[in-house]
Protein backbone atom coordinates (compact mmCIF):
# COMPACT_ATOMS: atom_id res chain seq x y z
CA UNK A 1 -38.94 -34.16 -42.14
CA UNK A 2 -37.52 -30.69 -41.82
CA UNK A 3 -37.29 -29.68 -38.18
CA UNK A 4 -37.58 -25.99 -39.10
CA UNK A 5 -41.02 -26.74 -40.58
CA UNK A 6 -41.95 -28.52 -37.35
CA UNK A 7 -40.81 -25.50 -35.33
CA UNK A 8 -42.77 -23.19 -37.63
CA UNK A 9 -45.89 -25.33 -37.20
CA UNK A 10 -45.54 -25.28 -33.41
CA UNK A 11 -45.19 -21.50 -33.48
CA UNK A 12 -48.26 -21.18 -35.73
CA UNK A 13 -50.27 -23.07 -33.13
CA UNK A 14 -48.71 -21.19 -30.18
CA UNK A 15 -49.28 -17.74 -31.69
CA UNK A 16 -52.62 -18.64 -33.23
CA UNK A 17 -51.62 -17.22 -36.58
CA UNK A 18 -49.31 -17.81 -39.49
CA UNK A 19 -48.30 -14.14 -39.47
CA UNK A 20 -47.29 -14.31 -35.80
CA UNK A 21 -45.20 -17.40 -36.39
CA UNK A 22 -43.64 -15.81 -39.47
CA UNK A 23 -42.53 -12.82 -37.38
CA UNK A 24 -40.86 -15.19 -34.88
CA UNK A 25 -38.97 -16.88 -37.71
CA UNK A 26 -38.10 -13.68 -39.54
CA UNK A 27 -39.92 -14.66 -42.74
CA UNK A 28 -42.93 -13.29 -44.59
CA UNK A 29 -46.41 -14.57 -43.80
CA UNK A 30 -46.88 -15.74 -47.38
CA UNK A 31 -43.66 -17.77 -47.25
CA UNK A 32 -44.70 -19.28 -43.90
CA UNK A 33 -48.08 -20.17 -45.36
CA UNK A 34 -46.42 -21.86 -48.35
CA UNK A 35 -44.16 -23.85 -46.00
CA UNK A 36 -47.16 -25.06 -43.99
CA UNK A 37 -48.97 -26.02 -47.20
CA UNK A 38 -45.85 -27.86 -48.42
CA UNK A 39 -45.64 -29.65 -45.07
CA UNK A 40 -49.26 -30.76 -45.41
CA UNK A 41 -48.61 -31.91 -48.98
CA UNK A 42 -45.52 -33.82 -47.89
CA UNK A 43 -47.41 -35.52 -45.04
CA UNK A 44 -50.49 -35.98 -47.26
CA UNK A 45 -52.80 -34.78 -44.48
CA UNK A 46 -54.52 -31.54 -43.59
CA UNK A 47 -53.03 -30.30 -40.32
CA UNK A 48 -55.32 -27.36 -39.70
CA UNK A 49 -58.35 -25.60 -41.01
CA UNK A 50 -57.77 -21.94 -41.68
CA UNK A 51 -60.10 -19.01 -42.02
CA UNK A 52 -59.35 -15.31 -42.03
CA UNK A 53 -59.97 -15.14 -38.30
CA UNK A 54 -59.15 -18.54 -36.86
CA UNK A 55 -56.93 -21.61 -37.07
CA UNK A 56 -58.04 -24.95 -35.69
CA UNK A 57 -56.14 -28.20 -35.65
CA UNK A 58 -57.38 -31.35 -37.26
CA UNK A 59 -56.85 -34.67 -35.49
CA UNK A 60 -53.77 -35.21 -37.67
CA UNK A 61 -52.61 -31.71 -36.78
CA UNK A 62 -52.85 -32.45 -33.07
CA UNK A 63 -50.90 -35.68 -33.55
CA UNK A 64 -48.22 -33.85 -35.54
CA UNK A 65 -48.10 -31.06 -32.94
CA UNK A 66 -47.50 -33.57 -30.14
CA UNK A 67 -44.72 -35.22 -32.15
CA UNK A 68 -43.16 -31.88 -33.11
CA UNK A 69 -43.05 -30.65 -29.50
CA UNK A 70 -41.38 -33.89 -28.40
CA UNK A 71 -38.91 -33.78 -31.29
CA UNK A 72 -37.95 -30.17 -30.55
CA UNK A 73 -37.54 -30.89 -26.84
CA UNK A 74 -35.50 -34.00 -27.64
CA UNK A 75 -33.24 -32.02 -29.93
CA UNK A 76 -32.67 -29.39 -27.23
CA UNK A 77 -31.74 -32.12 -24.73
CA UNK A 78 -29.36 -33.67 -27.22
CA UNK A 79 -27.63 -30.34 -27.88
CA UNK A 80 -27.31 -29.72 -24.12
CA UNK A 81 -25.79 -33.17 -23.56
CA UNK A 82 -23.35 -32.75 -26.43
CA UNK A 83 -22.31 -29.33 -25.15
CA UNK A 84 -21.77 -30.81 -21.67
CA UNK A 85 -19.49 -33.44 -23.18
CA UNK A 86 -17.40 -30.75 -24.82
CA UNK A 87 -16.94 -29.00 -21.48
CA UNK A 88 -15.92 -32.17 -19.65
CA UNK A 89 -12.23 -32.56 -18.90
CA UNK A 90 -10.45 -35.08 -21.08
CA UNK A 91 -6.96 -36.47 -21.48
CA UNK A 92 -4.19 -37.59 -19.19
CA UNK A 93 -3.54 -36.11 -15.79
CA UNK A 94 0.00 -36.04 -14.40
CA UNK A 95 0.42 -36.09 -10.64
CA UNK A 96 3.71 -35.26 -8.95
CA UNK A 97 4.35 -36.87 -5.55
CA UNK A 98 7.15 -38.16 -3.37
CA UNK A 99 8.44 -41.67 -4.12
CA UNK A 100 7.50 -43.00 -0.67
CA UNK A 101 3.87 -41.85 -1.14
CA UNK A 102 3.71 -43.40 -4.60
CA UNK A 103 4.96 -46.71 -3.16
CA UNK A 104 1.93 -46.79 -0.86
CA UNK A 105 -0.43 -46.93 -3.85
């Protein structure tokens, strides 16, 4: 599954409209609508019922929303952990000390 479609779906639910989510993603509302329809076709379920004034989630839509939120949060945590690994010191450390001190260790 495409994580950008999952993020778009979450934003559709959060904003309450496809147009609002499209603005967040910098795409047209018609393109966002086509992506949501393609997502539904790919999953073979109807995720939401749409009217001109309202969106409401189906049971499958709520299940997908829960998964999508977890997946997005998990991805953010993974990126943070990987970035932390890049910032961690690595390699050999050379320590200069007197010979008598080194003999003690």
